[in-house]
Protein backbone atom coordinates (compact mmCIF):
# COMPACT_ATOMS: atom_id res chain seq x y z
CA MET A 1 99.44 112.86 116.31
CA LEU A 2 98.86 112.61 112.56
CA GLU A 3 96.88 115.23 110.67
CA ALA A 4 95.55 115.52 107.12
CA VAL A 5 95.16 119.18 106.19
CA GLU A 6 93.01 120.20 103.19
CA ILE A 7 93.99 117.05 101.29
CA GLY A 8 92.86 116.86 97.67
CA LEU A 9 93.69 114.18 95.11
CA GLN A 10 92.74 114.20 91.46
CA PHE A 11 93.57 111.89 88.57
CA GLY A 12 92.76 113.73 85.37
CA LYS A 13 89.14 114.81 85.65
CA ARG A 14 88.37 112.32 88.40
CA VAL A 15 88.35 113.82 91.89
CA LEU A 16 89.09 111.19 94.52
CA PHE A 17 89.40 113.47 97.56
CA ASP A 18 88.41 117.09 98.03
CA ASP A 19 89.35 119.20 101.07
CA VAL A 20 89.87 116.33 103.53
CA ASN A 21 90.69 117.53 107.06
CA LEU A 22 91.25 114.86 109.72
CA LYS A 23 93.15 114.57 112.97
CA PHE A 24 94.20 111.13 114.27
CA THR A 25 95.00 111.15 117.97
CA LYS A 26 96.84 108.86 120.38
CA GLY A 27 94.97 105.96 121.95
CA ASN A 28 92.44 105.58 119.13
CA CYS A 29 92.01 103.04 116.36
CA TYR A 30 90.49 104.35 113.12
CA GLY A 31 88.88 102.02 110.59
CA ILE A 32 88.71 103.41 107.04
CA ILE A 33 85.70 102.16 105.08
CA GLY A 34 84.23 102.99 101.68
CA ALA A 35 82.94 101.46 98.48
CA ASN A 36 85.35 99.63 96.17
CA GLY A 37 87.40 102.25 94.32
CA ALA A 38 86.61 105.01 96.82
CA GLY A 39 90.31 105.43 97.63
CA LYS A 40 90.80 103.77 101.03
CA SER A 41 94.23 102.28 100.29
CA THR A 42 95.16 105.39 98.32
CA PHE A 43 94.48 107.52 101.39
CA LEU A 44 96.78 105.30 103.47
CA LYS A 45 99.49 105.86 100.87
CA ILE A 46 99.02 109.62 101.22
CA LEU A 47 99.29 109.38 105.01
CA SER A 48 102.45 107.26 104.76
CA GLY A 49 104.09 109.65 102.29
CA GLU A 50 104.19 107.06 99.50
CA LEU A 51 101.82 109.19 97.40
CA GLU A 52 101.81 112.98 97.10
CA PRO A 53 98.35 114.61 97.22
CA THR A 54 97.34 117.12 94.54
CA ARG A 55 96.65 119.65 97.29
CA GLY A 56 97.16 119.91 101.04
CA GLU A 57 99.66 118.27 103.36
CA VAL A 58 100.10 115.56 105.98
CA LEU A 59 101.54 116.62 109.34
CA LEU A 60 103.28 114.15 111.65
CA GLY A 61 104.08 115.04 115.25
CA ARG A 62 107.67 115.96 116.02
CA ASN A 63 109.92 112.93 116.65
CA GLU A 64 107.02 110.56 116.04
CA ARG A 65 107.58 107.34 114.10
CA LEU A 66 105.12 106.07 111.51
CA SER A 67 105.04 102.36 110.63
CA VAL A 68 103.35 100.74 107.61
CA LEU A 69 102.44 97.10 106.96
CA SER A 70 104.38 96.10 103.85
CA GLN A 71 102.46 94.28 101.11
CA ASN A 72 105.65 93.25 99.28
CA GLN A 73 106.58 89.76 100.45
CA SER A 74 109.87 89.84 98.53
CA ALA A 75 111.13 93.15 99.92
CA TYR A 76 113.30 91.52 102.62
CA ASP A 77 114.26 88.26 100.93
CA HIS A 78 117.95 88.98 101.58
CA CYS A 79 117.36 89.50 105.34
CA THR A 80 116.86 87.00 108.11
CA VAL A 81 113.45 86.78 109.78
CA LEU A 82 114.73 88.61 112.88
CA GLN A 83 116.37 91.35 110.80
CA THR A 84 113.17 91.83 108.80
CA VAL A 85 111.22 92.51 111.99
CA MET A 86 113.85 94.97 113.18
CA TRP A 87 113.72 96.83 109.85
CA GLY A 88 110.29 97.94 111.06
CA HIS A 89 112.33 100.64 112.83
CA LYS A 90 114.37 101.94 109.89
CA ARG A 91 116.43 104.50 111.82
CA LEU A 92 117.42 101.89 114.42
CA MET A 93 118.69 99.51 111.75
CA GLU A 94 120.53 102.32 109.95
CA ILE A 95 122.37 103.06 113.22
CA ILE A 96 123.22 99.37 113.71
CA GLU A 97 124.60 99.09 110.17
CA GLU A 98 126.65 102.30 110.46
CA LYS A 99 128.07 101.20 113.81
CA GLU A 100 129.15 97.88 112.32
CA LEU A 101 130.90 99.65 109.45
CA LEU A 102 132.71 102.05 111.78
CA TYR A 103 133.88 99.38 114.24
CA GLY A 104 134.98 97.21 111.32
CA LYS A 105 137.36 99.86 109.93
CA ALA A 106 141.06 99.06 110.07
CA ASP A 107 141.92 102.78 110.25
CA PHE A 108 139.44 103.84 112.96
CA SER A 109 140.02 107.61 113.43
CA ASP A 110 139.18 110.15 116.13
CA ALA A 111 136.38 111.45 113.91
CA ASP A 112 135.07 107.91 113.65
CA GLY A 113 135.19 107.65 117.44
CA ILE A 114 133.12 110.84 117.84
CA ARG A 115 130.64 109.61 115.26
CA ALA A 116 130.40 106.22 116.94
CA GLY A 117 129.79 107.91 120.30
CA ASN A 118 126.93 109.94 118.86
CA LEU A 119 125.42 106.82 117.31
CA GLU A 120 125.72 104.92 120.60
CA ALA A 121 123.92 107.74 122.43
CA GLU A 122 121.11 107.78 119.87
CA PHE A 123 120.95 103.96 119.98
CA SER A 124 120.63 103.95 123.78
CA ALA A 125 117.96 106.66 123.70
CA MET A 126 115.92 104.35 121.45
CA ASN A 127 116.38 101.44 123.91
CA GLY A 128 118.25 99.76 121.07
CA TRP A 129 119.80 97.15 123.37
CA ASP A 130 116.32 95.68 123.85
CA ALA A 131 115.47 95.64 120.14
CA GLU A 132 116.59 92.11 119.29
CA ALA A 133 114.83 90.63 122.30
CA GLU A 134 111.66 92.60 121.45
CA ALA A 135 111.72 91.34 117.86
CA GLY A 136 112.19 87.76 119.01
CA SER A 137 109.37 88.05 121.52
CA LEU A 138 106.98 89.38 118.85
CA LEU A 139 107.85 86.50 116.53
CA ASN A 140 107.34 83.93 119.27
CA ASP A 141 103.98 85.45 120.21
CA ILE A 142 102.73 85.30 116.63
CA GLY A 143 103.81 81.67 116.21
CA ILE A 144 107.21 81.97 114.47
CA GLU A 145 109.45 79.76 116.61
CA GLU A 146 113.01 80.74 117.52
CA ARG A 147 114.51 78.11 115.18
CA TRP A 148 113.19 80.19 112.25
CA HIS A 149 114.53 83.57 113.40
CA GLY A 150 117.86 83.18 111.60
CA ILE A 151 116.39 81.86 108.34
CA LEU A 152 116.41 84.10 105.26
CA MET A 153 112.99 85.45 104.31
CA ARG A 154 113.28 84.02 100.79
CA ASP A 155 113.27 80.54 102.34
CA MET A 156 110.13 81.09 104.42
CA ASP A 157 106.65 79.82 103.60
CA PRO A 158 104.44 82.66 102.19
CA LYS A 159 101.98 82.32 105.10
CA ALA A 160 104.84 82.74 107.58
CA LYS A 161 106.17 85.74 105.61
CA VAL A 162 102.86 87.53 106.16
CA LYS A 163 103.27 87.09 109.92
CA VAL A 164 106.87 88.33 109.86
CA LEU A 165 105.91 91.47 107.91
CA LEU A 166 103.11 92.11 110.40
CA CYS A 167 105.63 91.85 113.26
CA SER A 168 107.86 94.30 111.41
CA ALA A 169 105.02 96.85 111.30
CA LEU A 170 104.24 96.38 115.00
CA PHE A 171 107.87 96.35 116.12
CA PHE A 172 109.11 98.68 118.85
CA ASN A 173 105.88 100.51 119.55
CA PRO A 174 105.45 102.94 116.60
CA ASP A 175 103.60 106.19 117.30
CA ILE A 176 101.41 105.78 114.20
CA LEU A 177 100.53 102.37 112.75
CA LEU A 178 99.04 102.06 109.23
CA LEU A 179 97.56 98.66 108.33
CA ASP A 180 96.05 97.85 104.92
CA GLU A 181 93.98 94.61 105.09
CA PRO A 182 96.09 93.18 107.95
CA THR A 183 93.96 90.04 108.42
CA ASN A 184 94.36 88.84 104.81
CA ASN A 185 96.02 85.39 104.70
CA LEU A 186 96.20 85.15 108.49
CA ASP A 187 94.94 82.07 110.33
CA ILE A 188 92.25 82.39 113.01
CA LYS A 189 94.69 82.18 115.91
CA THR A 190 96.88 84.99 114.52
CA VAL A 191 93.88 87.23 113.82
CA ARG A 192 92.78 86.82 117.43
CA TRP A 193 96.30 87.60 118.61
CA LEU A 194 96.35 90.75 116.47
CA GLU A 195 92.96 91.84 117.81
CA ASN A 196 94.23 91.58 121.39
CA PHE A 197 97.48 93.36 120.48
CA LEU A 198 95.67 96.32 118.93
CA MET A 199 93.07 96.55 121.71
CA ASN A 200 95.96 97.08 124.14
CA PHE A 201 98.02 99.30 121.82
CA GLU A 202 98.32 102.76 123.35
CA ASN A 203 99.26 104.79 120.27
CA THR A 204 97.41 105.57 117.01
CA VAL A 205 96.21 102.88 114.59
CA ILE A 206 94.64 103.46 111.14
CA ILE A 207 93.23 100.40 109.36
CA VAL A 208 91.69 99.52 106.02
CA SER A 209 89.82 96.22 106.28
CA HIS A 210 86.82 94.33 104.87
CA ASN A 211 86.71 92.21 108.03
CA ARG A 212 83.68 93.54 109.94
CA HIS A 213 84.34 91.51 113.08
CA PHE A 214 87.90 92.84 113.18
CA LEU A 215 86.71 96.43 112.73
CA ASN A 216 84.11 95.96 115.47
CA LYS A 217 86.66 94.46 117.82
CA VAL A 218 89.49 96.99 117.54
CA CYS A 219 88.10 100.28 116.18
CA THR A 220 87.18 103.27 118.32
CA HIS A 221 86.33 105.43 115.28
CA ILE A 222 85.18 104.84 111.70
CA CYS A 223 86.40 107.02 108.81
CA ASP A 224 83.84 106.89 106.02
CA VAL A 225 85.13 107.69 102.51
CA ASP A 226 82.08 109.13 100.75
CA TYR A 227 81.12 112.18 98.62
CA ASN A 228 84.91 112.66 97.93
CA LYS A 229 85.22 113.46 101.65
CA ILE A 230 86.22 111.47 104.72
CA SER A 231 84.12 111.88 107.85
CA ILE A 232 84.92 110.44 111.27
CA THR A 233 82.27 108.81 113.48
CA VAL A 234 82.90 107.66 117.06
CA GLY A 235 82.28 103.95 117.56
CA ASN A 236 82.90 100.71 115.69
CA TYR A 237 81.62 99.53 112.29
CA ASP A 238 78.28 98.24 113.61
CA PHE A 239 77.56 101.60 115.22
CA TRP A 240 78.39 103.44 111.99
CA TYR A 241 76.31 101.06 109.86
CA GLU A 242 73.22 100.99 112.07
CA SER A 243 73.23 104.75 112.67
CA SER A 244 73.65 105.42 108.96
CA GLN A 245 70.77 103.07 108.12
CA LEU A 246 68.64 104.64 110.85
CA LEU A 247 69.10 108.10 109.37
CA LEU A 248 68.32 106.82 105.88
CA ARG A 249 65.04 105.38 107.15
CA GLN A 250 64.23 108.60 108.96
CA ALA A 251 64.95 110.67 105.85
CA LYS A 252 62.38 108.61 103.94
CA GLU A 253 59.74 109.22 106.59
CA ALA A 254 59.28 112.94 105.98
CA ASN A 255 56.14 113.14 108.11
CA LYS A 256 57.92 111.98 111.23
CA LYS A 257 58.34 114.67 113.88
CA MET A 258 61.85 115.84 114.71
CA GLU A 259 61.29 115.10 118.40
CA THR A 260 60.52 111.46 117.64
CA ARG A 261 63.58 111.18 115.43
CA ILE A 262 65.85 112.65 118.11
CA SER A 263 64.34 110.36 120.75
CA GLU A 264 64.95 107.31 118.57
CA LEU A 265 68.53 108.35 117.93
CA LYS A 266 69.19 108.94 121.63
CA GLU A 267 67.90 105.47 122.50
CA PHE A 268 70.08 103.98 119.77
CA ILE A 269 73.21 105.81 120.97
CA ALA A 270 72.51 104.86 124.59
CA ARG A 271 72.43 101.19 123.61
CA PHE A 272 75.86 101.42 122.00
CA SER A 273 77.23 103.51 124.87
CA ALA A 274 76.45 100.64 127.21
CA ASN A 275 78.36 98.23 124.97
CA ALA A 276 81.39 100.52 124.86
CA SER A 277 82.32 99.31 128.34
CA LYS A 278 84.03 96.32 126.72
CA SER A 279 86.68 98.49 125.08
CA LYS A 280 89.96 99.82 126.44
CA GLN A 281 88.72 103.37 125.75
CA ALA A 282 85.43 102.68 127.57
CA THR A 283 85.10 105.92 129.53
CA SER A 284 86.16 108.36 126.81
CA ARG A 285 84.13 106.59 124.12
CA LYS A 286 81.00 106.58 126.26
CA LYS A 287 81.38 110.32 126.87
CA GLU A 288 81.80 110.94 123.14
CA LEU A 289 78.84 108.76 122.25
CA ASP A 290 76.68 110.52 124.83
CA LYS A 291 77.46 113.86 123.17
CA ILE A 292 76.49 112.76 119.63
CA THR A 293 73.57 114.63 118.09
CA LEU A 294 71.55 114.00 114.95
CA GLU A 295 73.71 116.41 112.96
CA ASP A 296 76.91 114.53 113.85
CA ILE A 297 75.99 111.49 111.75
CA LYS A 298 75.38 111.67 108.02
CA PRO A 299 73.62 108.93 106.04
CA SER A 300 75.90 107.25 103.53
CA SER A 301 75.39 107.64 99.79
CA ARG A 302 76.44 104.04 99.25
CA LYS A 303 73.91 101.49 98.05
CA TYR A 304 73.46 98.00 99.44
CA PRO A 305 72.43 95.08 97.21
CA TYR A 306 69.15 93.40 98.14
CA ILE A 307 69.88 89.76 99.02
CA ASP A 308 66.91 87.63 100.05
CA PHE A 309 66.92 83.88 99.45
CA LYS A 310 63.36 82.51 99.31
CA PRO A 311 62.90 78.76 98.80
CA ALA A 312 60.22 77.74 96.27
CA ARG A 313 59.10 74.89 98.52
CA GLU A 314 59.48 73.98 102.19
CA ILE A 315 62.13 71.43 102.94
CA GLY A 316 61.18 68.00 104.32
CA ASN A 317 62.64 66.17 107.32
CA GLU A 318 65.20 64.29 105.21
CA VAL A 319 67.80 66.70 103.88
CA LEU A 320 71.21 65.05 103.39
CA LYS A 321 72.88 61.85 104.53
CA VAL A 322 76.64 61.40 104.05
CA GLU A 323 78.23 57.98 104.70
CA LYS A 324 82.02 57.48 104.93
CA LEU A 325 82.68 59.91 102.08
CA THR A 326 86.34 59.92 101.05
CA LYS A 327 88.39 61.84 98.49
CA LYS A 328 92.07 60.99 98.66
CA GLY A 329 94.24 63.98 99.54
CA TYR A 330 91.24 65.95 100.81
CA PHE A 331 89.17 64.17 103.48
CA GLU A 332 88.42 60.66 104.75
CA ASN A 333 85.39 58.81 106.13
CA LEU A 334 83.20 61.89 106.38
CA THR A 335 79.86 60.89 107.90
CA PHE A 336 77.02 63.19 108.94
CA THR A 337 73.28 63.69 108.65
CA MET A 338 71.93 67.15 107.96
CA ASN A 339 68.73 68.20 109.73
CA LYS A 340 66.15 70.64 108.37
CA THR A 341 67.20 73.37 110.83
CA ASP A 342 70.95 73.10 110.17
CA LYS A 343 73.15 75.87 108.88
CA ILE A 344 76.55 74.20 108.80
CA GLY A 345 79.81 76.12 108.67
CA PHE A 346 82.62 73.99 107.25
CA MET A 347 86.28 74.43 108.14
CA SER A 348 89.55 72.75 107.20
CA ASP A 349 93.30 73.37 107.28
CA ASN A 350 93.10 72.60 103.56
CA ASN A 351 90.64 75.01 101.92
CA LEU A 352 90.64 72.88 98.76
CA ALA A 353 89.09 70.06 100.79
CA ILE A 354 85.89 72.04 101.35
CA SER A 355 85.68 73.06 97.69
CA MET A 356 86.09 69.40 96.70
CA LEU A 357 83.36 68.31 99.14
CA PHE A 358 80.94 70.92 97.77
CA ASP A 359 81.75 69.90 94.19
CA ILE A 360 80.97 66.29 95.11
CA LEU A 361 77.69 67.21 96.84
CA SER A 362 76.68 69.29 93.79
CA GLY A 363 77.44 66.40 91.44
CA GLU A 364 80.41 68.05 89.71
CA GLU A 365 82.98 65.59 91.16
CA GLN A 366 82.90 61.95 92.24
CA PRO A 367 84.14 60.58 95.61
CA ASP A 368 86.73 57.81 95.82
CA ALA A 369 84.63 55.98 98.39
CA GLY A 370 81.45 56.38 100.42
CA ALA A 371 78.13 57.84 99.36
CA PHE A 372 75.66 60.66 99.95
CA LYS A 373 71.95 61.13 99.38
CA TRP A 374 69.82 64.27 99.19
CA GLY A 375 66.23 64.19 100.46
CA GLY A 376 63.35 64.00 98.00
CA THR A 377 62.17 67.57 98.70
CA VAL A 378 65.62 69.15 98.35
CA THR A 379 66.56 71.63 95.64
CA VAL A 380 70.17 72.82 95.84
CA SER A 381 71.48 76.25 94.80
CA TYR A 382 75.29 76.13 94.55
CA MET A 383 77.84 78.95 94.44
CA PRO A 384 81.34 77.52 93.83
CA GLN A 385 84.40 79.45 94.92
CA ASN A 386 85.63 79.62 91.33
CA ASN A 387 82.84 81.08 89.22
CA ASP A 388 84.96 81.89 86.13
CA PRO A 389 83.47 79.03 84.03
CA TYR A 390 80.08 80.78 84.23
CA PHE A 391 81.48 83.93 82.60
CA ASP A 392 84.63 83.17 80.58
CA GLY A 393 84.02 83.56 76.87
CA CYS A 394 80.40 84.56 77.44
CA ALA A 395 79.53 87.52 75.18
CA MET A 396 75.92 87.69 76.45
CA SER A 397 74.57 90.81 78.13
CA LEU A 398 73.85 90.43 81.84
CA THR A 399 70.09 90.32 81.15
CA ASP A 400 70.55 87.40 78.72
CA TRP A 401 73.02 85.73 81.08
CA LEU A 402 70.57 85.84 83.99
CA LYS A 403 67.62 84.66 81.85
CA GLN A 404 69.32 81.26 81.68
CA TYR A 405 68.55 80.69 85.35
CA SER A 406 65.00 82.08 85.53
CA LYS A 407 61.61 80.55 84.73
CA GLU A 408 60.31 84.06 84.08
CA THR A 409 62.26 85.60 81.19
CA GLU A 410 60.39 88.88 80.64
CA GLU A 411 62.96 91.70 80.24
CA ASN A 412 61.69 93.98 83.01
CA PHE A 413 61.52 91.07 85.44
CA ILE A 414 65.17 90.15 84.81
CA ARG A 415 66.23 93.79 85.00
CA SER A 416 64.51 94.13 88.37
CA TRP A 417 66.72 91.35 89.75
CA LEU A 418 69.83 92.91 88.29
CA GLY A 419 68.73 96.22 89.82
CA ARG A 420 68.57 94.57 93.23
CA MET A 421 72.23 93.67 92.75
CA LEU A 422 73.08 97.28 91.74
CA PHE A 423 73.17 96.74 87.96
CA SER A 424 70.89 99.52 86.76
CA GLY A 425 70.28 101.15 83.37
CA GLU A 426 73.02 100.49 80.86
CA GLU A 427 74.98 98.36 83.35
CA ALA A 428 72.45 95.57 82.78
CA GLN A 429 73.72 95.38 79.18
CA LYS A 430 77.35 94.78 80.14
CA ARG A 431 78.94 91.71 78.61
CA ALA A 432 79.25 88.86 81.09
CA ASP A 433 82.90 88.19 80.20
CA VAL A 434 84.16 91.67 81.15
CA LEU A 435 82.88 91.79 84.75
CA SER A 436 85.08 92.40 87.77
CA GLY A 437 85.35 89.81 90.54
CA GLY A 438 82.81 91.64 92.71
CA GLU A 439 80.36 92.05 89.82
CA LYS A 440 80.57 88.33 89.04
CA MET A 441 79.78 87.49 92.66
CA ARG A 442 76.71 89.76 92.63
CA CYS A 443 75.50 88.09 89.42
CA MET A 444 75.98 84.66 91.00
CA LEU A 445 73.96 85.77 94.02
CA ALA A 446 71.15 86.96 91.70
CA ARG A 447 71.30 83.57 89.98
CA MET A 448 70.99 81.75 93.31
CA MET A 449 68.01 83.84 94.39
CA LEU A 450 66.20 83.14 91.10
CA MET A 451 66.85 79.39 91.44
CA SER A 452 64.89 79.48 94.74
CA GLY A 453 66.61 76.45 96.27
CA ASN A 454 65.76 75.33 99.79
CA VAL A 455 69.38 74.29 100.40
CA LEU A 456 72.21 76.77 99.77
CA LEU A 457 75.73 75.53 99.07
CA LEU A 458 78.12 78.50 99.40
CA ASP A 459 81.90 78.26 99.03
CA GLU A 460 83.60 81.47 100.25
CA PRO A 461 80.74 83.72 99.05
CA THR A 462 82.33 86.94 100.36
CA ASN A 463 85.32 86.74 98.00
CA HIS A 464 85.67 89.99 95.99
CA LEU A 465 82.65 91.58 97.74
CA ASP A 466 82.80 95.00 99.40
CA LEU A 467 81.56 95.66 102.94
CA GLU A 468 78.10 96.69 101.71
CA ALA A 469 77.56 93.45 99.79
CA ILE A 470 79.02 91.33 102.60
CA THR A 471 76.65 92.97 105.11
CA SER A 472 73.65 92.33 102.83
CA LEU A 473 74.73 88.73 102.21
CA ASN A 474 75.07 88.18 105.96
CA GLU A 475 71.50 89.40 106.49
CA GLY A 476 70.21 87.23 103.64
CA MET A 477 71.86 84.10 105.01
CA THR A 478 70.65 84.79 108.54
CA LYS A 479 67.01 85.24 107.42
CA PHE A 480 66.98 82.23 105.06
CA LYS A 481 64.37 79.64 106.09
CA GLY A 482 66.08 76.64 104.49
CA CYS A 483 69.37 74.82 105.13
CA ILE A 484 72.86 76.12 104.37
CA LEU A 485 76.20 74.38 103.93
CA PHE A 486 78.92 77.01 103.64
CA ALA A 487 82.55 77.95 104.11
CA SER A 488 83.67 81.50 104.85
CA HIS A 489 86.63 83.36 106.29
CA ASP A 490 84.25 86.12 107.42
CA HIS A 491 84.08 85.82 111.21
CA GLU A 492 80.76 87.65 111.47
CA ILE A 493 79.02 85.39 108.93
CA MET A 494 80.39 82.26 110.60
CA GLN A 495 79.25 83.46 114.03
CA THR A 496 75.79 84.77 113.10
CA VAL A 497 74.78 82.11 110.55
CA ALA A 498 76.27 78.75 111.56
CA ASN A 499 74.53 76.69 114.27
CA ARG A 500 76.74 73.67 113.58
CA ILE A 501 80.45 73.39 112.79
CA ILE A 502 82.08 70.57 110.81
CA VAL A 503 85.87 70.48 110.44
CA LEU A 504 87.28 68.20 107.76
CA GLY A 505 90.29 66.23 108.98
CA GLN A 506 92.77 64.48 106.72
CA GLY A 507 94.21 61.45 108.50
CA LYS A 508 92.42 62.41 111.73
CA PRO A 509 88.81 62.36 112.96
CA ASN A 510 86.42 64.94 111.55
CA PHE A 511 84.95 67.42 114.07
CA ASP A 512 81.15 67.78 114.10
CA LYS A 513 79.24 69.66 116.80
CA LEU A 514 76.11 71.75 117.25
CA CYS A 515 77.71 75.02 118.38
CA THR A 516 78.44 78.55 117.29
CA TYR A 517 81.68 79.51 115.60
CA GLU A 518 83.07 81.24 118.69
CA GLU A 519 82.13 78.25 120.86
CA TYR A 520 84.13 76.09 118.45
CA LEU A 521 87.12 78.46 118.68
CA ASP A 522 87.02 78.23 122.46
CA LEU A 523 86.74 74.42 122.33
CA SER A 524 89.68 74.16 119.94
CA GLY A 525 91.81 76.66 121.87
CA GLN A 526 92.15 79.09 118.95
């Protein structure tokens, strides 16, 4: 058990947390969510002991071990891959090192013998003799073959290092597991493996993640960082989001009778209770969900951007024809015809290949061979993955910046679009060249909506966005009446938007099939 008791954290005049009281219990997985800057990762640091709170304390159960996913890829460069995993249990490795020193002494004394005996007893109590085999098994399961186990971490590929550090956090069944953005830089197969691992994990897990599908898959509870507090709701992210939105709608309908509101909430909770049967905690979660009342769920104070792509004209039957398109080092002989109902999700082992394809289709790059042709009714709105050229060195205010992409340039009209993307009041006068990554993405989305294209070209549009903006973007893409060509690492967007998957192959045939994302994953064995 892990408990936060009256936790407060303040930096100068800024209060991040105030009187936070939470209890994390065995068998549950807690997803921590909140707006950018709300303090999600900071709270994990408080729980791990890396950061001291201004007030309050963190209580860890007696003899319980807490494990944290390390974000420092260089921390174990001097260790082998196998040793790095085993350092996930610090006390175990300290015992191993001390034993080696004792047994290596030329003048081994009686006192040394007593000390060695005590260490051996502690080592056996930890099942230390199984540690190396357990570490090796974890590595094999995650895709790090045995031939790499003895290699120094400094010689490993960065993508493999991420997997090794994840194994280190999971090693030897910790009582409390803290994971900050664990799916970042993981391939699809490894993310799926981690989902299954955590769904069968019997101890306590606490996660910070922007991956909604991951949160839905593994979480039994959601911890919402809001109003300088952290409140716990039973259920996954979708349950938290939909219940929060439901209560916001109800709050706006003041004339609605309480009985009707309660009835609507009960029906909503019953629907999610039925779905809880798919989880390992099915019975207990259903009981908890059945007990929820209106007062147990609070609407969030967070605001969601309004994302609604509306094409200026309906698209014709001819959209896009690609014939044997080739760009050396990226893709070869790419051939496909896009239909007016297509929303195509693109994938590749080389992410740069998709960016290059989109640059070619938008006219910013030229192919080495082959050709493509857009239909006569097509107007394309493009969001490249790298949007810095749109902002670097631009001293314009956001209103002036957005005017460049709008037929209507009246000030209030432009401000209304910025307001939809959460730039209100003085924020609309920010200089374009000082925006954060997330602010740039919201401006680019406003630009795309004003351009009113009937074909959207989106290259990793969720980069830098928070959960609120990602959720709104997902809804906007799903409702869009035109065609979409896009690439995204967001599982939920790929699954709910794409009705066709194209995988770019370099030196091998390209994959092209009318199917959902999860159908593709099943077909490809990922």
